[in-house]
Amino acid sequence: MVFDSFISKARQKLTLPLPGHEAHKKLIHKERFLFKNSPDSSTRESAVLLLLYPSSDIVQIPLILRPMYDGQHGGQMALPGGKKEYTDENLERTALRETQEEIGIKALDIKVIGELTEVFIPVSNFIVKPYVGFIDYKPQFFPDQKEVDRIYELEILDFFNDNNLGYKTVTAGGKQIEVPGFEIANSYIWGATALIMNEFKEAILQA
């Protein structure tokens, strides 16, 4: 099966040295450098999950659209995830718990197969640890109405198509900025999520 083959490949590729920040740099926008560029003692920990699942003969991934709000990430496309709570024994648990809370996928159903390089988000002072996992069925989603405006089910290989890379003007922090990202299914993925997806792509494609 296509899905089983992709999961097997991803599991193996994620054991190799990761592309890391070199992959991130390709999709960093210049506004990022107006803020501090490294975490410090005040930086908060968070985690997200890149969740793979089968749909007929394709491999899909859910991204969420954050509701519009006054914070730094309102209205943006994102991977399910959030800040580490004191009850989380580690960041992997954070990613699984947040995925269950935000989109309704049972944490016990998810098999984690690897992790990616952490991403520091200067504007909100978070450092994000991405994990990669899968479920072996097409899920029914139950979005948290406070955290999720909409769930997009995207084909993972669309992130591997360089024709979907480009630049677009978005509104962030009350101003218009031009940012690199992925344009897929009439949606634009930029910022930390784009950095994570680009590293995943390069990790899978590495020799």
Protein backbone atom coordinates (compact mmCIF):
# COMPACT_ATOMS: atom_id res chain seq x y z
CA MET A 1 0.00 0.00 0.00
CA VAL A 2 1.10 3.57 -0.71
CA PHE A 3 0.50 4.65 2.88
CA ASP A 4 2.43 1.78 4.45
CA SER A 5 5.33 2.37 2.06
CA PHE A 6 5.44 6.09 2.87
CA ILE A 7 5.36 5.47 6.63
CA SER A 8 8.15 2.92 6.34
CA LYS A 9 10.25 5.37 4.34
CA ALA A 10 9.54 8.25 6.73
CA ARG A 11 10.42 6.11 9.75
CA GLN A 12 13.77 5.23 8.19
CA LYS A 13 14.60 8.73 6.94
CA LEU A 14 13.89 10.28 10.34
CA THR A 15 16.65 8.17 11.87
CA LEU A 16 19.20 9.96 9.66
CA PRO A 17 20.78 13.33 10.49
CA LEU A 18 18.11 15.98 9.97
CA PRO A 19 18.39 18.89 7.51
CA GLY A 20 17.72 21.13 10.51
CA HIS A 21 18.06 24.88 10.40
CA GLU A 22 19.45 24.83 6.86
CA ALA A 23 16.00 23.68 5.71
CA HIS A 24 14.33 26.30 7.91
CA LYS A 25 16.42 29.15 6.51
CA LYS A 26 14.91 28.69 3.05
CA LEU A 27 11.48 29.78 4.29
CA ILE A 28 12.34 32.38 6.94
CA HIS A 29 10.86 35.82 6.25
CA LYS A 30 12.92 38.96 6.85
CA GLU A 31 10.57 40.37 9.50
CA ARG A 32 11.72 37.57 11.77
CA PHE A 33 15.06 39.31 12.22
CA LEU A 34 13.40 42.32 13.84
CA PHE A 35 13.05 40.21 16.99
CA LYS A 36 15.56 38.32 19.11
CA ASN A 37 16.89 35.28 17.28
CA SER A 38 17.50 32.81 20.08
CA PRO A 39 15.61 31.51 23.11
CA ASP A 40 16.41 32.53 26.67
CA SER A 41 15.21 31.74 30.18
CA SER A 42 11.83 33.37 29.50
CA THR A 43 11.13 31.29 26.37
CA ARG A 44 8.20 28.89 26.69
CA GLU A 45 8.23 25.30 25.41
CA SER A 46 5.63 23.90 23.03
CA ALA A 47 5.19 20.99 20.65
CA VAL A 48 3.26 20.17 17.47
CA LEU A 49 2.39 16.99 15.63
CA LEU A 50 2.76 16.29 11.93
CA LEU A 51 0.08 13.60 11.70
CA LEU A 52 -0.02 11.31 8.66
CA TYR A 53 -3.04 9.21 7.75
CA PRO A 54 -4.36 7.30 4.71
CA SER A 55 -7.13 8.44 2.39
CA SER A 56 -7.70 6.02 -0.47
CA ASP A 57 -4.35 5.87 -2.25
CA ILE A 58 -2.87 9.09 -0.88
CA VAL A 59 -1.17 10.19 2.34
CA GLN A 60 -2.79 13.16 4.04
CA ILE A 61 -2.01 15.53 6.87
CA PRO A 62 -4.36 17.82 8.84
CA LEU A 63 -3.54 21.49 9.26
CA ILE A 64 -5.70 23.79 11.32
CA LEU A 65 -6.73 27.35 10.68
CA ARG A 66 -6.46 29.35 13.88
CA PRO A 67 -9.41 31.67 14.64
CA MET A 68 -8.83 35.39 14.22
CA TYR A 69 -7.77 36.96 17.51
CA ASP A 70 -5.51 39.73 18.75
CA GLY A 71 -2.52 37.43 19.38
CA GLN A 72 0.44 36.98 17.08
CA HIS A 73 -0.81 33.81 15.36
CA GLY A 74 -4.50 34.51 14.83
CA GLY A 75 -5.82 33.46 11.43
CA GLN A 76 -2.74 31.40 10.54
CA MET A 77 -2.45 27.84 9.29
CA ALA A 78 -0.78 25.56 11.83
CA LEU A 79 -0.05 22.02 12.86
CA PRO A 80 -2.04 20.85 15.89
CA GLY A 81 -0.12 21.57 19.07
CA GLY A 82 0.46 24.03 21.85
CA LYS A 83 2.38 24.92 24.99
CA LYS A 84 3.76 22.38 27.41
CA GLU A 85 1.74 22.03 30.60
CA TYR A 86 3.20 21.07 33.97
CA THR A 87 1.31 17.76 33.75
CA ASP A 88 3.11 16.77 30.53
CA GLU A 89 6.01 14.44 31.30
CA ASN A 90 7.71 15.44 28.05
CA LEU A 91 7.14 17.36 24.83
CA GLU A 92 5.98 14.29 22.92
CA ARG A 93 3.14 14.03 25.40
CA THR A 94 2.40 17.72 24.81
CA ALA A 95 2.07 17.14 21.08
CA LEU A 96 -0.22 14.14 21.54
CA ARG A 97 -2.39 15.80 24.18
CA GLU A 98 -2.81 18.98 22.16
CA THR A 99 -3.69 17.00 19.03
CA GLN A 100 -6.39 15.15 20.92
CA GLU A 101 -7.75 18.36 22.42
CA GLU A 102 -7.67 20.41 19.22
CA ILE A 103 -8.81 18.00 16.53
CA GLY A 104 -10.21 15.03 18.44
CA ILE A 105 -7.74 12.28 17.49
CA LYS A 106 -7.18 9.90 20.40
CA ALA A 107 -3.59 10.13 21.61
CA LEU A 108 -3.49 6.36 22.14
CA ASP A 109 -4.20 5.81 18.42
CA ILE A 110 -1.15 7.78 17.32
CA LYS A 111 2.19 6.08 16.71
CA VAL A 112 5.11 8.52 16.86
CA ILE A 113 7.84 7.62 14.36
CA GLY A 114 10.29 10.49 14.74
CA GLU A 115 10.92 14.11 15.45
CA LEU A 116 12.18 17.19 13.66
CA THR A 117 14.37 20.13 14.62
CA GLU A 118 12.92 22.61 17.08
CA VAL A 119 11.88 26.02 15.78
CA PHE A 120 12.19 29.23 17.77
CA ILE A 121 9.38 31.73 17.20
CA PRO A 122 10.72 35.16 18.18
CA VAL A 123 7.46 37.10 17.94
CA SER A 124 5.74 34.96 20.61
CA ASN A 125 8.89 33.73 22.40
CA PHE A 126 8.03 30.05 22.00
CA ILE A 127 10.34 27.21 21.04
CA VAL A 128 8.43 24.50 19.19
CA LYS A 129 9.38 20.84 19.03
CA PRO A 130 7.79 18.99 16.06
CA TYR A 131 6.97 15.29 16.19
CA VAL A 132 5.92 13.02 13.31
CA GLY A 133 3.30 10.35 13.85
CA PHE A 134 0.58 8.43 12.07
CA ILE A 135 -2.74 6.70 12.44
CA ASP A 136 -3.68 3.84 10.11
CA TYR A 137 -7.20 5.01 9.33
CA LYS A 138 -8.90 8.06 7.87
CA PRO A 139 -10.15 9.94 10.92
CA GLN A 140 -13.28 11.81 11.77
CA PHE A 141 -12.23 15.14 13.25
CA PHE A 142 -13.77 16.85 16.26
CA PRO A 143 -12.29 20.36 16.30
CA ASP A 144 -12.14 22.48 19.43
CA GLN A 145 -14.23 25.49 18.44
CA LYS A 146 -12.13 27.86 20.57
CA GLU A 147 -8.82 26.76 19.09
CA VAL A 148 -9.70 25.72 15.54
CA ASP A 149 -11.63 27.67 12.93
CA ARG A 150 -11.29 24.97 10.27
CA ILE A 151 -9.37 21.76 9.55
CA TYR A 152 -7.70 21.34 6.16
CA GLU A 153 -6.94 17.82 4.97
CA LEU A 154 -3.95 18.21 2.67
CA GLU A 155 -2.04 15.72 0.56
CA ILE A 156 1.47 15.39 1.96
CA LEU A 157 3.07 15.20 -1.50
CA ASP A 158 1.77 18.69 -2.29
CA PHE A 159 4.50 19.94 0.08
CA PHE A 160 7.07 18.11 -2.07
CA ASN A 161 6.03 20.01 -5.21
CA ASP A 162 8.25 23.06 -5.68
CA ASN A 163 5.54 24.65 -7.84
CA ASN A 164 3.61 25.20 -4.60
CA LEU A 165 6.41 27.32 -3.12
CA GLY A 166 6.34 31.07 -3.47
CA TYR A 167 5.86 34.45 -1.82
CA LYS A 168 2.70 36.13 -0.71
CA THR A 169 1.74 39.30 1.16
CA VAL A 170 0.00 38.56 4.45
CA THR A 171 -1.17 40.62 7.40
CA ALA A 172 0.76 40.00 10.61
CA GLY A 173 1.11 42.17 13.67
CA GLY A 174 -1.14 44.76 12.07
CA LYS A 175 1.01 45.27 8.98
CA GLN A 176 1.50 43.84 5.52
CA ILE A 177 4.58 41.67 5.02
CA GLU A 178 5.79 39.49 2.16
CA VAL A 179 6.59 35.97 3.30
CA PRO A 180 7.74 32.71 1.67
CA GLY A 181 5.56 29.65 2.04
CA PHE A 182 3.45 26.91 0.49
CA GLU A 183 0.27 27.67 -1.44
CA ILE A 184 -1.83 24.51 -1.31
CA ALA A 185 -5.59 23.96 -1.66
CA ASN A 186 -6.29 27.71 -1.75
CA SER A 187 -4.48 28.11 1.57
CA TYR A 188 -1.15 29.72 2.41
CA ILE A 189 1.19 28.05 4.90
CA TRP A 190 4.00 30.24 6.18
CA GLY A 191 5.95 30.99 9.35
CA ALA A 192 6.98 28.19 11.72
CA THR A 193 4.62 25.70 10.08
CA ALA A 194 6.26 26.23 6.70
CA LEU A 195 9.72 25.80 8.25
CA ILE A 196 8.67 22.50 9.82
CA MET A 197 7.08 21.21 6.62
CA ASN A 198 10.12 22.15 4.57
CA GLU A 199 12.42 20.25 6.91
CA PHE A 200 10.13 17.22 6.75
CA LYS A 201 10.19 17.36 2.96
CA GLU A 202 13.98 17.58 2.84
CA ALA A 203 14.35 14.83 5.42
CA ILE A 204 12.24 12.46 3.33
CA LEU A 205 14.01 13.37 0.09
CA GLN A 206 17.56 13.06 1.43
CA ALA A 207 19.70 10.25 0.06
